[in-house]
Amino acid sequence: MLNNERNKRRSRRGFTLLEVAVATAILAVGISMGMGALSSMSNTEVRARQSEKMNLLAVEKMHEILGLGDVVNQQTEGTLEDYGEPDLKWTLEVAASGTENIYTVRLTIEKDNGTVSDPSAEVSTLLFVPPDSTTSGTGATGGTG
């Protein structure tokens, strides 16, 4: 009788092979999901940094363009090699705003040969060009917004 009770206690002490296999499978699924989440967070951080850098470059390039003066007759596209980013391109659009002597200036920065899912940055502002400066090509004021 004592041996029988001792055997029952011994058989209840450990885990069965099936329990260990199920626990291992659950642990493996949890670890793989955690690694996937970390990878996704890392990719999101990289995209956020790229987007922030592109926004800062867009503002800086807009200031440069506005500082040159004759925005209406300036170059409308180029690369950002001067800023150490040869794989980024910028595009400038100048359009009449509907109000006399006021133009909408829009600068877009995106990856050269990029895809739709790549980050991009856009900065726009209104620009007042005094009536006499459209013929002489001097003096323009504006700000980014």
N, C-alpha and C. Protein backbone atom coordinates (compact mmCIF):
# COMPACT_ATOMS: atom_id res chain seq x y z
N MET A 1 0.80 -1.18 0.00
CA MET A 1 0.00 0.00 0.00
C MET A 1 0.85 1.26 0.00
N LEU A 2 1.89 1.25 0.80
CA LEU A 2 2.78 2.40 0.82
C LEU A 2 3.46 2.59 -0.53
N ASN A 3 3.86 1.51 -1.16
CA ASN A 3 4.49 1.60 -2.48
C ASN A 3 3.53 2.17 -3.52
N ASN A 4 2.30 1.79 -3.44
CA ASN A 4 1.30 2.27 -4.38
C ASN A 4 1.10 3.78 -4.25
N GLU A 5 1.02 4.29 -3.01
CA GLU A 5 0.88 5.73 -2.77
C GLU A 5 2.12 6.48 -3.23
N ARG A 6 3.27 5.91 -2.97
CA ARG A 6 4.52 6.54 -3.37
C ARG A 6 4.60 6.64 -4.90
N ASN A 7 4.18 5.63 -5.61
CA ASN A 7 4.18 5.65 -7.08
C ASN A 7 3.22 6.70 -7.62
N LYS A 8 2.07 6.86 -6.98
CA LYS A 8 1.11 7.86 -7.42
C LYS A 8 1.68 9.26 -7.25
N ARG A 9 2.35 9.52 -6.12
CA ARG A 9 2.94 10.83 -5.87
C ARG A 9 4.06 11.11 -6.88
N ARG A 10 4.86 10.11 -7.19
CA ARG A 10 5.94 10.27 -8.14
C ARG A 10 5.42 10.59 -9.54
N SER A 11 4.34 9.96 -9.93
CA SER A 11 3.82 10.18 -11.27
C SER A 11 3.18 11.56 -11.40
N ARG A 12 2.80 12.20 -10.32
CA ARG A 12 2.18 13.52 -10.37
C ARG A 12 3.21 14.65 -10.24
N ARG A 13 4.45 14.36 -9.99
CA ARG A 13 5.45 15.39 -9.74
C ARG A 13 5.84 16.17 -10.99
N GLY A 14 6.00 15.57 -12.13
CA GLY A 14 6.52 16.23 -13.33
C GLY A 14 5.44 16.54 -14.35
N PHE A 15 5.91 17.10 -15.48
CA PHE A 15 5.02 17.41 -16.59
C PHE A 15 5.09 16.29 -17.60
N THR A 16 4.01 16.09 -18.31
CA THR A 16 4.02 15.09 -19.37
C THR A 16 4.70 15.69 -20.60
N LEU A 17 5.07 14.85 -21.51
CA LEU A 17 5.71 15.29 -22.75
C LEU A 17 4.77 16.19 -23.55
N LEU A 18 3.50 15.89 -23.54
CA LEU A 18 2.51 16.70 -24.25
C LEU A 18 2.42 18.11 -23.66
N GLU A 19 2.42 18.22 -22.35
CA GLU A 19 2.37 19.53 -21.69
C GLU A 19 3.61 20.36 -22.03
N VAL A 20 4.76 19.74 -22.03
CA VAL A 20 5.99 20.44 -22.38
C VAL A 20 5.96 20.90 -23.84
N ALA A 21 5.47 20.06 -24.73
CA ALA A 21 5.40 20.42 -26.14
C ALA A 21 4.44 21.59 -26.37
N VAL A 22 3.29 21.58 -25.71
CA VAL A 22 2.33 22.68 -25.84
C VAL A 22 2.91 23.97 -25.28
N ALA A 23 3.55 23.90 -24.12
CA ALA A 23 4.15 25.09 -23.52
C ALA A 23 5.25 25.66 -24.42
N THR A 24 6.04 24.80 -25.02
CA THR A 24 7.10 25.23 -25.92
C THR A 24 6.51 25.90 -27.17
N ALA A 25 5.45 25.34 -27.70
CA ALA A 25 4.80 25.92 -28.88
C ALA A 25 4.23 27.31 -28.56
N ILE A 26 3.59 27.44 -27.41
CA ILE A 26 3.04 28.74 -27.00
C ILE A 26 4.16 29.76 -26.83
N LEU A 27 5.25 29.35 -26.21
CA LEU A 27 6.39 30.23 -26.02
C LEU A 27 6.99 30.66 -27.36
N ALA A 28 7.11 29.72 -28.29
CA ALA A 28 7.67 30.04 -29.61
C ALA A 28 6.79 31.04 -30.35
N VAL A 29 5.48 30.86 -30.28
CA VAL A 29 4.57 31.81 -30.94
C VAL A 29 4.69 33.19 -30.30
N GLY A 30 4.76 33.24 -28.99
CA GLY A 30 4.89 34.52 -28.28
C GLY A 30 6.19 35.23 -28.63
N ILE A 31 7.28 34.50 -28.68
CA ILE A 31 8.58 35.10 -29.02
C ILE A 31 8.57 35.61 -30.46
N SER A 32 8.03 34.82 -31.38
CA SER A 32 8.01 35.27 -32.78
C SER A 32 7.13 36.50 -32.96
N MET A 33 6.02 36.58 -32.24
CA MET A 33 5.16 37.77 -32.32
C MET A 33 5.88 38.98 -31.72
N GLY A 34 6.59 38.77 -30.64
CA GLY A 34 7.35 39.86 -30.03
C GLY A 34 8.45 40.37 -30.95
N MET A 35 9.14 39.47 -31.62
CA MET A 35 10.19 39.87 -32.55
C MET A 35 9.60 40.63 -33.74
N GLY A 36 8.44 40.18 -34.22
CA GLY A 36 7.77 40.88 -35.31
C GLY A 36 7.37 42.29 -34.91
N ALA A 37 6.88 42.44 -33.69
CA ALA A 37 6.49 43.77 -33.19
C ALA A 37 7.72 44.68 -33.09
N LEU A 38 8.83 44.16 -32.59
CA LEU A 38 10.05 44.95 -32.49
C LEU A 38 10.56 45.37 -33.87
N SER A 39 10.48 44.47 -34.83
CA SER A 39 10.91 44.79 -36.19
C SER A 39 10.03 45.88 -36.79
N SER A 40 8.74 45.77 -36.58
CA SER A 40 7.81 46.77 -37.08
C SER A 40 8.07 48.13 -36.45
N MET A 41 8.33 48.16 -35.16
CA MET A 41 8.63 49.41 -34.47
C MET A 41 9.91 50.03 -35.01
N SER A 42 10.90 49.20 -35.28
CA SER A 42 12.17 49.69 -35.81
C SER A 42 11.97 50.31 -37.20
N ASN A 43 11.20 49.65 -38.06
CA ASN A 43 10.92 50.19 -39.39
C ASN A 43 10.16 51.51 -39.30
N THR A 44 9.22 51.59 -38.38
CA THR A 44 8.45 52.82 -38.19
C THR A 44 9.35 53.96 -37.73
N GLU A 45 10.29 53.66 -36.85
CA GLU A 45 11.22 54.69 -36.38
C GLU A 45 12.09 55.20 -37.52
N VAL A 46 12.57 54.31 -38.37
CA VAL A 46 13.41 54.71 -39.50
C VAL A 46 12.62 55.62 -40.44
N ARG A 47 11.37 55.25 -40.72
CA ARG A 47 10.53 56.08 -41.60
C ARG A 47 10.24 57.44 -40.97
N ALA A 48 10.03 57.47 -39.67
CA ALA A 48 9.77 58.74 -38.98
C ALA A 48 10.99 59.65 -39.05
N ARG A 49 12.17 59.08 -38.88
CA ARG A 49 13.40 59.88 -38.97
C ARG A 49 13.60 60.43 -40.38
N GLN A 50 13.33 59.58 -41.39
CA GLN A 50 13.45 60.04 -42.78
C GLN A 50 12.46 61.16 -43.06
N SER A 51 11.25 61.00 -42.59
CA SER A 51 10.22 62.01 -42.80
C SER A 51 10.59 63.33 -42.13
N GLU A 52 11.10 63.25 -40.91
CA GLU A 52 11.51 64.46 -40.19
C GLU A 52 12.65 65.17 -40.92
N LYS A 53 13.63 64.38 -41.39
CA LYS A 53 14.76 64.97 -42.11
C LYS A 53 14.29 65.64 -43.40
N MET A 54 13.36 65.01 -44.10
CA MET A 54 12.85 65.57 -45.35
C MET A 54 12.06 66.86 -45.09
N ASN A 55 11.30 66.90 -44.00
CA ASN A 55 10.57 68.12 -43.66
C ASN A 55 11.52 69.27 -43.36
N LEU A 56 12.57 68.99 -42.60
CA LEU A 56 13.55 70.03 -42.29
C LEU A 56 14.26 70.52 -43.56
N LEU A 57 14.60 69.59 -44.45
CA LEU A 57 15.24 69.98 -45.71
C LEU A 57 14.28 70.80 -46.58
N ALA A 58 13.00 70.46 -46.56
CA ALA A 58 12.02 71.21 -47.35
C ALA A 58 11.92 72.65 -46.87
N VAL A 59 11.87 72.83 -45.56
CA VAL A 59 11.80 74.19 -45.01
C VAL A 59 13.07 74.97 -45.35
N GLU A 60 14.22 74.32 -45.21
CA GLU A 60 15.49 74.99 -45.51
C GLU A 60 15.58 75.37 -46.99
N LYS A 61 15.17 74.46 -47.87
CA LYS A 61 15.22 74.74 -49.31
C LYS A 61 14.23 75.85 -49.67
N MET A 62 13.06 75.87 -49.04
CA MET A 62 12.08 76.93 -49.29
C MET A 62 12.66 78.29 -48.88
N HIS A 63 13.33 78.34 -47.74
CA HIS A 63 13.97 79.59 -47.31
C HIS A 63 15.03 80.02 -48.33
N GLU A 64 15.79 79.07 -48.84
CA GLU A 64 16.82 79.39 -49.84
C GLU A 64 16.18 79.95 -51.10
N ILE A 65 15.13 79.32 -51.57
CA ILE A 65 14.46 79.76 -52.80
C ILE A 65 13.86 81.15 -52.62
N LEU A 66 13.19 81.36 -51.49
CA LEU A 66 12.59 82.67 -51.24
C LEU A 66 13.66 83.75 -51.07
N GLY A 67 14.80 83.37 -50.53
CA GLY A 67 15.89 84.33 -50.34
C GLY A 67 16.53 84.78 -51.63
N LEU A 68 16.41 83.98 -52.70
CA LEU A 68 17.00 84.36 -53.98
C LEU A 68 16.20 85.45 -54.69
N GLY A 69 14.97 85.66 -54.28
CA GLY A 69 14.21 86.78 -54.82
C GLY A 69 13.18 86.42 -55.87
N ASP A 70 13.57 86.32 -57.11
CA ASP A 70 12.63 86.15 -58.22
C ASP A 70 12.12 84.71 -58.29
N VAL A 71 11.21 84.39 -57.41
CA VAL A 71 10.70 83.01 -57.30
C VAL A 71 9.93 82.60 -58.54
N VAL A 72 9.21 83.53 -59.15
CA VAL A 72 8.36 83.21 -60.28
C VAL A 72 9.17 82.68 -61.46
N ASN A 73 10.39 83.16 -61.64
CA ASN A 73 11.21 82.76 -62.79
C ASN A 73 12.37 81.84 -62.41
N GLN A 74 12.32 81.20 -61.26
CA GLN A 74 13.43 80.34 -60.82
C GLN A 74 13.31 78.93 -61.38
N GLN A 75 14.40 78.19 -61.19
CA GLN A 75 14.44 76.77 -61.53
C GLN A 75 13.34 76.06 -60.75
N THR A 76 12.69 75.09 -61.36
CA THR A 76 11.54 74.45 -60.72
C THR A 76 11.81 73.05 -60.17
N GLU A 77 13.00 72.53 -60.37
CA GLU A 77 13.32 71.22 -59.80
C GLU A 77 14.82 71.02 -59.71
N GLY A 78 15.21 70.04 -58.92
CA GLY A 78 16.63 69.74 -58.76
C GLY A 78 16.83 68.67 -57.70
N THR A 79 18.09 68.40 -57.41
CA THR A 79 18.41 67.43 -56.36
C THR A 79 18.93 68.18 -55.14
N LEU A 80 19.08 67.45 -54.06
CA LEU A 80 19.59 68.05 -52.83
C LEU A 80 21.03 67.62 -52.57
N GLU A 81 21.82 67.52 -53.64
CA GLU A 81 23.23 67.15 -53.49
C GLU A 81 23.98 68.15 -52.62
N ASP A 82 23.62 69.43 -52.74
CA ASP A 82 24.28 70.47 -51.93
C ASP A 82 24.06 70.26 -50.44
N TYR A 83 23.02 69.54 -50.10
CA TYR A 83 22.70 69.27 -48.69
C TYR A 83 23.16 67.87 -48.27
N GLY A 84 23.91 67.20 -49.14
CA GLY A 84 24.41 65.87 -48.81
C GLY A 84 23.38 64.77 -49.01
N GLU A 85 22.34 65.03 -49.79
CA GLU A 85 21.29 64.05 -50.04
C GLU A 85 21.06 63.89 -51.55
N PRO A 86 21.98 63.23 -52.26
CA PRO A 86 21.83 63.13 -53.72
C PRO A 86 20.65 62.26 -54.16
N ASP A 87 20.11 61.44 -53.27
CA ASP A 87 18.99 60.58 -53.66
C ASP A 87 17.62 61.26 -53.45
N LEU A 88 17.63 62.52 -53.03
CA LEU A 88 16.38 63.26 -52.85
C LEU A 88 16.26 64.33 -53.93
N LYS A 89 15.05 64.51 -54.43
CA LYS A 89 14.81 65.55 -55.42
C LYS A 89 13.74 66.51 -54.91
N TRP A 90 13.80 67.75 -55.38
CA TRP A 90 12.81 68.74 -55.00
C TRP A 90 12.12 69.27 -56.25
N THR A 91 10.87 69.66 -56.06
CA THR A 91 10.07 70.23 -57.14
C THR A 91 9.38 71.48 -56.62
N LEU A 92 9.45 72.55 -57.38
CA LEU A 92 8.84 73.83 -56.99
C LEU A 92 7.68 74.13 -57.93
N GLU A 93 6.54 74.44 -57.35
CA GLU A 93 5.37 74.85 -58.13
C GLU A 93 4.98 76.25 -57.68
N VAL A 94 4.86 77.15 -58.63
CA VAL A 94 4.41 78.52 -58.35
C VAL A 94 3.14 78.73 -59.15
N ALA A 95 2.07 79.09 -58.46
CA ALA A 95 0.78 79.28 -59.13
C ALA A 95 0.11 80.53 -58.60
N ALA A 96 -0.68 81.16 -59.46
CA ALA A 96 -1.45 82.33 -59.03
C ALA A 96 -2.47 81.88 -57.98
N SER A 97 -2.64 82.68 -56.95
CA SER A 97 -3.54 82.30 -55.86
C SER A 97 -4.97 82.75 -56.09
N GLY A 98 -5.19 83.55 -57.10
CA GLY A 98 -6.52 84.11 -57.32
C GLY A 98 -6.62 85.55 -56.85
N THR A 99 -5.64 85.98 -56.09
CA THR A 99 -5.55 87.37 -55.65
C THR A 99 -4.39 88.01 -56.39
N GLU A 100 -4.60 89.23 -56.83
CA GLU A 100 -3.58 89.91 -57.63
C GLU A 100 -2.25 90.02 -56.88
N ASN A 101 -1.17 89.67 -57.55
CA ASN A 101 0.20 89.77 -57.05
C ASN A 101 0.52 88.80 -55.91
N ILE A 102 -0.34 87.86 -55.63
CA ILE A 102 -0.07 86.86 -54.60
C ILE A 102 -0.01 85.49 -55.26
N TYR A 103 1.07 84.78 -54.99
CA TYR A 103 1.30 83.47 -55.58
C TYR A 103 1.35 82.41 -54.48
N THR A 104 0.94 81.21 -54.83
CA THR A 104 1.10 80.06 -53.95
C THR A 104 2.38 79.35 -54.37
N VAL A 105 3.29 79.17 -53.44
CA VAL A 105 4.56 78.51 -53.72
C VAL A 105 4.57 77.19 -52.94
N ARG A 106 4.74 76.09 -53.67
CA ARG A 106 4.73 74.76 -53.05
C ARG A 106 6.02 74.03 -53.40
N LEU A 107 6.72 73.56 -52.38
CA LEU A 107 7.96 72.81 -52.57
C LEU A 107 7.74 71.39 -52.07
N THR A 108 8.03 70.43 -52.93
CA THR A 108 7.88 69.02 -52.57
C THR A 108 9.24 68.34 -52.64
N ILE A 109 9.55 67.55 -51.63
CA ILE A 109 10.78 66.76 -51.62
C ILE A 109 10.40 65.29 -51.54
N GLU A 110 11.00 64.49 -52.41
CA GLU A 110 10.75 63.05 -52.40
C GLU A 110 11.99 62.32 -52.88
N LYS A 111 11.99 61.01 -52.69
CA LYS A 111 13.13 60.22 -53.15
C LYS A 111 13.15 60.17 -54.67
N ASP A 112 14.34 60.31 -55.23
CA ASP A 112 14.50 60.16 -56.67
C ASP A 112 14.30 58.68 -56.99
N ASN A 113 13.44 58.38 -57.93
CA ASN A 113 13.08 56.99 -58.27
C ASN A 113 12.47 56.25 -57.09
N GLY A 114 11.79 56.96 -56.22
CA GLY A 114 11.15 56.33 -55.07
C GLY A 114 9.80 55.74 -55.42
N THR A 115 9.21 55.08 -54.45
CA THR A 115 7.89 54.50 -54.63
C THR A 115 6.86 55.36 -53.91
N VAL A 116 5.60 55.03 -54.11
CA VAL A 116 4.52 55.80 -53.49
C VAL A 116 4.59 55.70 -51.97
N SER A 117 5.06 54.57 -51.46
CA SER A 117 5.09 54.38 -50.00
C SER A 117 6.28 55.06 -49.33
N ASP A 118 7.23 55.57 -50.11
CA ASP A 118 8.37 56.28 -49.52
C ASP A 118 7.90 57.61 -48.93
N PRO A 119 8.52 58.04 -47.84
CA PRO A 119 8.11 59.32 -47.26
C PRO A 119 8.45 60.48 -48.19
N SER A 120 7.66 61.54 -48.07
CA SER A 120 7.92 62.76 -48.82
C SER A 120 7.56 63.93 -47.91
N ALA A 121 7.96 65.12 -48.32
CA ALA A 121 7.67 66.32 -47.53
C ALA A 121 7.19 67.41 -48.47
N GLU A 122 6.26 68.21 -47.97
CA GLU A 122 5.73 69.31 -48.76
C GLU A 122 5.60 70.54 -47.87
N VAL A 123 6.08 71.67 -48.39
CA VAL A 123 5.98 72.95 -47.69
C VAL A 123 5.36 73.92 -48.67
N SER A 124 4.41 74.70 -48.18
CA SER A 124 3.81 75.71 -49.06
C SER A 124 3.69 77.03 -48.33
N THR A 125 3.66 78.09 -49.11
CA THR A 125 3.55 79.43 -48.56
C THR A 125 2.90 80.34 -49.59
N LEU A 126 2.47 81.49 -49.14
CA LEU A 126 1.97 82.53 -50.05
C LEU A 126 3.08 83.55 -50.23
N LEU A 127 3.19 84.06 -51.43
CA LEU A 127 4.26 85.00 -51.76
C LEU A 127 3.64 86.24 -52.41
N PHE A 128 3.96 87.40 -51.86
CA PHE A 128 3.52 88.66 -52.46
C PHE A 128 4.64 89.21 -53.33
N VAL A 129 4.31 89.49 -54.57
CA VAL A 129 5.26 90.09 -55.50
C VAL A 129 4.72 91.47 -55.85
N PRO A 130 5.41 92.54 -55.46
CA PRO A 130 4.94 93.89 -55.78
C PRO A 130 4.75 94.06 -57.29
N PRO A 131 3.75 94.83 -57.72
CA PRO A 131 3.43 94.95 -59.14
C PRO A 131 4.60 95.38 -60.02
N ASP A 132 5.45 96.28 -59.55
CA ASP A 132 6.56 96.73 -60.38
C ASP A 132 7.68 95.71 -60.47
N SER A 133 7.73 94.71 -59.58
CA SER A 133 8.84 93.75 -59.59
C SER A 133 8.62 92.64 -60.61
N THR A 134 7.41 92.46 -61.14
CA THR A 134 7.20 91.40 -62.13
C THR A 134 7.91 91.70 -63.43
N THR A 135 8.15 92.98 -63.71
CA THR A 135 8.87 93.32 -64.93
C THR A 135 10.37 93.41 -64.70
N SER A 136 10.78 93.86 -63.51
CA SER A 136 12.22 94.02 -63.25
C SER A 136 12.84 92.78 -62.66
N GLY A 137 12.02 91.90 -62.03
CA GLY A 137 12.56 90.66 -61.47
C GLY A 137 13.26 90.83 -60.16
N THR A 138 12.94 91.89 -59.40
CA THR A 138 13.60 92.09 -58.11
C THR A 138 12.58 92.13 -57.00
N GLY A 139 13.03 91.79 -55.82
CA GLY A 139 12.27 91.95 -54.59
C GLY A 139 11.03 91.10 -54.50
N ALA A 140 11.05 90.18 -53.58
CA ALA A 140 9.87 89.38 -53.26
C ALA A 140 9.93 89.05 -51.79
N THR A 141 8.80 89.07 -51.17
CA THR A 141 8.78 88.73 -49.75
C THR A 141 7.82 87.59 -49.55
N GLY A 142 8.08 86.80 -48.55
CA GLY A 142 7.19 85.67 -48.26
C GLY A 142 7.70 84.94 -47.06
N GLY A 143 6.94 84.00 -46.61
CA GLY A 143 7.35 83.20 -45.46
C GLY A 143 6.81 81.80 -45.63
N THR A 144 7.40 80.87 -44.90
CA THR A 144 6.93 79.50 -44.99
C THR A 144 5.77 79.32 -44.05
N GLY A 145 4.96 78.39 -44.35
CA GLY A 145 3.81 78.16 -43.48
C GLY A 145 3.41 76.81 -43.55
